[in-house]
Every structure is written in C-alpha cells, then in structure tokens.
C-alpha atoms as a PDB file:
ATOM      1  CA  VAL A   1     -48.057 -45.407 -81.158  1.00  0.00           C
ATOM      2  CA  ALA A   2     -47.609 -42.036 -82.838  1.00  0.00           C
ATOM      3  CA  TYR A   3     -48.052 -38.598 -81.324  1.00  0.00           C
ATOM      4  CA  HIS A   4     -48.253 -35.517 -83.526  1.00  0.00           C
ATOM      5  CA  LEU A   5     -46.808 -32.563 -81.613  1.00  0.00           C
ATOM      6  CA  GLU A   6     -46.128 -28.928 -82.362  1.00  0.00           C
ATOM      7  CA  ARG A   7     -43.805 -26.500 -80.605  1.00  0.00           C
ATOM      8  CA  VAL A   8     -42.223 -23.094 -81.003  1.00  0.00           C
ATOM      9  CA  VAL A   9     -38.484 -23.152 -80.391  1.00  0.00           C
ATOM     10  CA  GLU A  10     -36.272 -20.134 -79.903  1.00  0.00           C
ATOM     11  CA  VAL A  11     -32.500 -20.356 -80.119  1.00  0.00           C
ATOM     12  CA  SER A  12     -30.127 -17.446 -79.844  1.00  0.00           C
ATOM     13  CA  GLU A  13     -26.420 -16.861 -79.713  1.00  0.00           C
ATOM     14  CA  GLU A  14     -24.815 -13.903 -78.020  1.00  0.00           C
ATOM     15  CA  LYS A  15     -21.307 -12.799 -78.845  1.00  0.00           C
ATOM     16  CA  GLN A  16     -19.113 -10.002 -77.649  1.00  0.00           C
ATOM     17  CA  ARG A  17     -17.639  -7.601 -80.184  1.00  0.00           C
ATOM     18  CA  LEU A  18     -15.214  -4.707 -79.970  1.00  0.00           C
ATOM     19  CA  TYR A  19     -13.157  -6.267 -77.194  1.00  0.00           C
ATOM     20  CA  GLY A  20     -16.192  -7.044 -75.042  1.00  0.00           C
ATOM     21  CA  LEU A  21     -17.676  -3.568 -75.163  1.00  0.00           C
ATOM     22  CA  LEU A  22     -20.649  -4.594 -77.284  1.00  0.00           C
ATOM     23  CA  LYS A  23     -22.880  -7.667 -77.063  1.00  0.00           C
ATOM     24  CA  THR A  24     -24.533  -8.844 -80.251  1.00  0.00           C
ATOM     25  CA  LYS A  25     -27.294 -11.373 -80.740  1.00  0.00           C
ATOM     26  CA  ASP A  26     -28.379 -13.705 -83.522  1.00  0.00           C
ATOM     27  CA  SER A  27     -31.691 -15.480 -82.911  1.00  0.00           C
ATOM     28  CA  ILE A  28     -34.253 -17.646 -84.629  1.00  0.00           C
ATOM     29  CA  LEU A  29     -37.855 -18.560 -83.857  1.00  0.00           C
ATOM     30  CA  LEU A  30     -38.805 -21.908 -85.387  1.00  0.00           C
ATOM     31  CA  VAL A  31     -42.312 -23.344 -85.544  1.00  0.00           C
ATOM     32  CA  VAL A  32     -41.979 -27.125 -85.495  1.00  0.00           C
ATOM     33  CA  ALA A  33     -44.402 -29.975 -86.171  1.00  0.00           C
ATOM     34  CA  ALA A  34     -43.302 -33.564 -85.704  1.00  0.00           C
ATOM     35  CA  ASP A  35     -44.419 -37.150 -85.288  1.00  0.00           C
ATOM     36  CA  VAL A  36     -42.978 -39.076 -82.352  1.00  0.00           C
ATOM     37  CA  ARG A  37     -43.319 -42.851 -82.670  1.00  0.00           C
ATOM     38  CA  ALA A  38     -42.876 -45.370 -79.864  1.00  0.00           C
ATOM     39  CA  GLY A  39     -43.267 -49.117 -79.803  1.00  0.00           C
ATOM     40  CA  VAL A  40     -41.860 -52.483 -78.925  1.00  0.00           C
ATOM     41  CA  ASP A  41     -39.170 -54.024 -81.097  1.00  0.00           C
ATOM     42  CA  LEU A  42     -40.157 -57.697 -81.319  1.00  0.00           C
ATOM     43  CA  GLY A  43     -36.821 -58.332 -83.007  1.00  0.00           C
ATOM     44  CA  ASP A  44     -35.338 -58.122 -79.510  1.00  0.00           C
ATOM     45  CA  LEU A  45     -37.323 -61.215 -78.385  1.00  0.00           C
ATOM     46  CA  LYS A  46     -35.263 -64.260 -77.527  1.00  0.00           C
ATOM     47  CA  ASP A  47     -36.383 -67.902 -77.418  1.00  0.00           C
ATOM     48  CA  GLU A  48     -36.357 -67.881 -73.613  1.00  0.00           C
ATOM     49  CA  ASP A  49     -38.766 -64.898 -73.629  1.00  0.00           C
ATOM     50  CA  VAL A  50     -41.640 -67.110 -74.851  1.00  0.00           C
ATOM     51  CA  GLN A  51     -42.924 -69.994 -72.705  1.00  0.00           C
ATOM     52  CA  VAL A  52     -45.656 -72.189 -74.134  1.00  0.00           C
ATOM     53  CA  ASP A  53     -47.800 -74.776 -72.351  1.00  0.00           C
ATOM     54  CA  GLU A  54     -49.550 -76.560 -75.199  1.00  0.00           C
ATOM     55  CA  GLU A  55     -51.726 -78.726 -72.941  1.00  0.00           C
ATOM     56  CA  ALA A  56     -53.100 -75.728 -71.042  1.00  0.00           C
ATOM     57  CA  LYS A  57     -53.157 -73.658 -74.240  1.00  0.00           C
ATOM     58  CA  SER A  58     -51.299 -70.890 -72.430  1.00  0.00           C
ATOM     59  CA  VAL A  59     -48.362 -68.709 -73.326  1.00  0.00           C
ATOM     60  CA  THR A  60     -46.221 -66.264 -71.392  1.00  0.00           C
ATOM     61  CA  VAL A  61     -44.291 -63.653 -73.326  1.00  0.00           C
ATOM     62  CA  ARG A  62     -41.631 -61.407 -71.828  1.00  0.00           C
ATOM     63  CA  LEU A  63     -41.559 -58.294 -73.979  1.00  0.00           C
ATOM     64  CA  PRO A  64     -38.691 -55.853 -74.249  1.00  0.00           C
ATOM     65  CA  ALA A  65     -39.433 -52.396 -72.861  1.00  0.00           C
ATOM     66  CA  PRO A  66     -41.012 -49.932 -75.284  1.00  0.00           C
ATOM     67  CA  GLU A  67     -38.767 -47.322 -76.835  1.00  0.00           C
ATOM     68  CA  ILE A  68     -38.933 -44.161 -78.872  1.00  0.00           C
ATOM     69  CA  LEU A  69     -38.515 -45.412 -82.424  1.00  0.00           C
ATOM     70  CA  SER A  70     -38.354 -42.054 -84.195  1.00  0.00           C
ATOM     71  CA  VAL A  71     -38.921 -38.326 -83.989  1.00  0.00           C
ATOM     72  CA  SER A  72     -39.635 -37.044 -87.503  1.00  0.00           C
ATOM     73  CA  LEU A  73     -40.038 -33.379 -88.282  1.00  0.00           C
ATOM     74  CA  ASP A  74     -42.926 -32.586 -90.625  1.00  0.00           C
ATOM     75  CA  GLU A  75     -41.016 -30.467 -93.134  1.00  0.00           C
ATOM     76  CA  GLU A  76     -44.188 -29.109 -94.743  1.00  0.00           C
ATOM     77  CA  ARG A  77     -45.379 -27.679 -91.419  1.00  0.00           C
ATOM     78  CA  THR A  78     -42.008 -26.708 -89.916  1.00  0.00           C
ATOM     79  CA  PHE A  79     -40.828 -23.208 -90.750  1.00  0.00           C
ATOM     80  CA  VAL A  80     -38.754 -20.266 -89.593  1.00  0.00           C
ATOM     81  CA  HIS A  81     -41.167 -17.745 -88.099  1.00  0.00           C
ATOM     82  CA  SER A  82     -38.542 -15.074 -87.614  1.00  0.00           C
ATOM     83  CA  ARG A  83     -34.810 -14.560 -87.767  1.00  0.00           C
ATOM     84  CA  ASP A  84     -33.139 -11.588 -86.130  1.00  0.00           C
ATOM     85  CA  THR A  85     -29.487 -10.750 -86.499  1.00  0.00           C
ATOM     86  CA  ALA A  86     -28.494  -7.599 -84.633  1.00  0.00           C
ATOM     87  CA  LEU A  87     -26.415  -4.896 -86.229  1.00  0.00           C
ATOM     88  CA  LEU A  88     -22.732  -5.868 -86.036  1.00  0.00           C
ATOM     89  CA  ALA A  89     -23.684  -9.455 -85.160  1.00  0.00           C
ATOM     90  CA  GLU A  90     -22.251 -12.315 -87.130  1.00  0.00           C
ATOM     91  CA  ARG A  91     -25.044 -14.402 -88.670  1.00  0.00           C
ATOM     92  CA  SER A  92     -24.668 -18.032 -87.566  1.00  0.00           C
ATOM     93  CA  GLN A  93     -25.080 -20.366 -90.532  1.00  0.00           C
ATOM     94  CA  ASP A  94     -26.076 -23.336 -88.370  1.00  0.00           C
ATOM     95  CA  LEU A  95     -28.558 -21.631 -86.024  1.00  0.00           C
ATOM     96  CA  GLU A  96     -31.559 -23.223 -87.738  1.00  0.00           C
ATOM     97  CA  GLN A  97     -29.959 -26.675 -87.405  1.00  0.00           C
ATOM     98  CA  LYS A  98     -29.387 -26.023 -83.704  1.00  0.00           C
ATOM     99  CA  ALA A  99     -33.058 -25.068 -83.349  1.00  0.00           C
ATOM    100  CA  ARG A 100     -34.133 -28.234 -85.159  1.00  0.00           C
ATOM    101  CA  ARG A 101     -31.967 -30.414 -82.912  1.00  0.00           C
ATOM    102  CA  ARG A 102     -33.377 -28.727 -79.816  1.00  0.00           C
ATOM    103  CA  ALA A 103     -36.913 -29.202 -81.188  1.00  0.00           C
ATOM    104  CA  VAL A 104     -36.343 -32.943 -81.657  1.00  0.00           C
ATOM    105  CA  ARG A 105     -35.068 -33.213 -78.067  1.00  0.00           C
ATOM    106  CA  ASP A 106     -37.950 -31.124 -76.695  1.00  0.00           C
ATOM    107  CA  LEU A 107     -40.603 -33.048 -78.645  1.00  0.00           C
ATOM    108  CA  ARG A 108     -39.176 -36.375 -77.532  1.00  0.00           C
ATOM    109  CA  GLU A 109     -39.341 -35.230 -73.903  1.00  0.00           C
ATOM    110  CA  ALA A 110     -42.876 -33.877 -74.398  1.00  0.00           C
ATOM    111  CA  ALA A 111     -44.045 -37.237 -75.776  1.00  0.00           C
ATOM    112  CA  LEU A 112     -42.470 -39.043 -72.812  1.00  0.00           C
ATOM    113  CA  SER A 113     -44.157 -36.654 -70.380  1.00  0.00           C
ATOM    114  CA  ALA A 114     -47.489 -37.138 -72.153  1.00  0.00           C
ATOM    115  CA  GLY A 115     -47.316 -40.911 -71.582  1.00  0.00           C
ATOM    116  CA  ILE A 116     -46.295 -42.291 -74.964  1.00  0.00           C
ATOM    117  CA  MET A 117     -44.441 -45.226 -73.357  1.00  0.00           C
ATOM    118  CA  GLU A 118     -47.427 -46.353 -71.321  1.00  0.00           C
ATOM    119  CA  GLU A 119     -49.624 -46.092 -74.399  1.00  0.00           C
ATOM    120  CA  ALA A 120     -47.084 -48.105 -76.405  1.00  0.00           C
ATOM    121  CA  LYS A 121     -47.205 -50.828 -73.730  1.00  0.00           C
ATOM    122  CA  ARG A 122     -51.014 -50.955 -73.783  1.00  0.00           C
ATOM    123  CA  SER A 123     -51.085 -51.078 -77.572  1.00  0.00           C
ATOM    124  CA  ALA A 124     -48.451 -53.819 -77.767  1.00  0.00           C
ATOM    125  CA  GLU A 125     -50.273 -55.923 -75.149  1.00  0.00           C
ATOM    126  CA  LYS A 126     -53.626 -55.568 -76.902  1.00  0.00           C
ATOM    127  CA  THR A 127     -52.187 -56.449 -80.305  1.00  0.00           C
ATOM    128  CA  LEU A 128     -50.177 -59.402 -79.030  1.00  0.00           C
ATOM    129  CA  ARG A 129     -53.050 -60.797 -76.953  1.00  0.00           C
ATOM    130  CA  GLY A 130     -55.351 -60.637 -79.972  1.00  0.00           C
ATOM    131  CA  LEU A 131     -52.791 -62.328 -82.196  1.00  0.00           C
ATOM    132  CA  LEU A 132     -52.017 -65.124 -79.726  1.00  0.00           C
ATOM    133  CA  ARG A 133     -55.680 -65.778 -78.930  1.00  0.00           C
ATOM    134  CA  GLY A 134     -56.326 -65.850 -82.658  1.00  0.00           C
ATOM    135  CA  VAL A 135     -53.921 -68.775 -83.055  1.00  0.00           C
ATOM    136  CA  GLY A 136     -55.559 -70.765 -80.257  1.00  0.00           C
ATOM    137  CA  PHE A 137     -54.038 -69.748 -76.927  1.00  0.00           C
ATOM    138  CA  GLN A 138     -56.683 -69.369 -74.249  1.00  0.00           C
ATOM    139  CA  GLN A 139     -54.425 -67.851 -71.612  1.00  0.00           C
ATOM    140  CA  VAL A 140     -51.989 -65.130 -72.568  1.00  0.00           C
ATOM    141  CA  GLN A 141     -49.699 -63.584 -69.987  1.00  0.00           C
ATOM    142  CA  ILE A 142     -47.463 -60.685 -70.878  1.00  0.00           C
ATOM    143  CA  VAL A 143     -44.612 -59.522 -68.673  1.00  0.00           C
ATOM    144  CA  TRP A 144     -42.242 -56.669 -69.350  1.00  0.00           C
ATOM    145  CA  ALA A 145     -38.468 -56.477 -69.237  1.00  0.00           C
ATOM    146  CA  ASP A 146     -37.131 -54.440 -66.327  1.00  0.00           C
ATOM    147  CA  ARG A 147     -35.075 -51.999 -68.313  1.00  0.00           C
ATOM    148  CA  GLU A 148     -36.658 -49.039 -70.025  1.00  0.00           C
ATOM    149  CA  ARG A 149     -34.975 -47.442 -73.029  1.00  0.00           C
ATOM    150  CA  PHE A 150     -35.881 -43.787 -73.220  1.00  0.00           C
END
C-alpha cells in the first residue's frame, strides 16, 4: 500500500551571541512530498506458519505483521520555500537535512495515523486469498502475528 503525502515542515535553531545578550535565529520552511509504503514481508514466513489440509482443500497462513517498508521523498516536489538567517546568526549548513529528517518522521507518523497498516493488512489478505484460491484451496484462513513493527 502506498500513500502520497505532503507537509510543510519548519525547523529553526536559536543561538545566543555576545555572551548571551543577543539571541539569533536560523530557520527553514520546507515543502515536502513523499510516498510512504507499507506491506507484509513474506520473506519472514516460516514453514510452521503455513498449515495445509489437502483433503479438505484448506490452508491456514500466519502472516507477519505489516510494516512500513519505506518513506521516500519526492525530490521533484520537495523544495525550500524560505530560508531566514537573522543578522549576526550563524547559518547552519545542515538545517535542510534536519528538516528532511523531521519530514520523514512526521510523514511516517501521519501515514500510521491515517490507517496505512490496516489497509496493508486488508490488501495482503485479499491478494493472498485470491492467490491461494487460484491454486485450488477452497478454504483460506489468515491469521496475523501478534507483534506489530511500526
């Protein structure tokens, strides 16, 4: 499952100059677009996670919990909207990187809040049921691992 999300992220750093008499500020406003992908890693399946009853043409599969697979910034749509470095402030060379890291964290949390994990579960179940019925199983039961990896 993929969600395309957009956010505006502001990061600033305040520093004291002239022995604490003056506060200076360096800030950035970043407009961010990203794709957050979630799914189920079937590579985590073990032999004991699949139980087959050939006579009844039934199968039970215990799937690992869904997980966030990636948060990818869309570089063509992500840009610095504004950058403000106050007079006497030292311009931070890594402020944009800090904003990007915060954006990735914020977008990941936004996707989780929007229900990406539940949608990943539904999608995985639908796909797996269709595949298993397509190879002849009449009864397909899917259970989920207890742990959730967010």
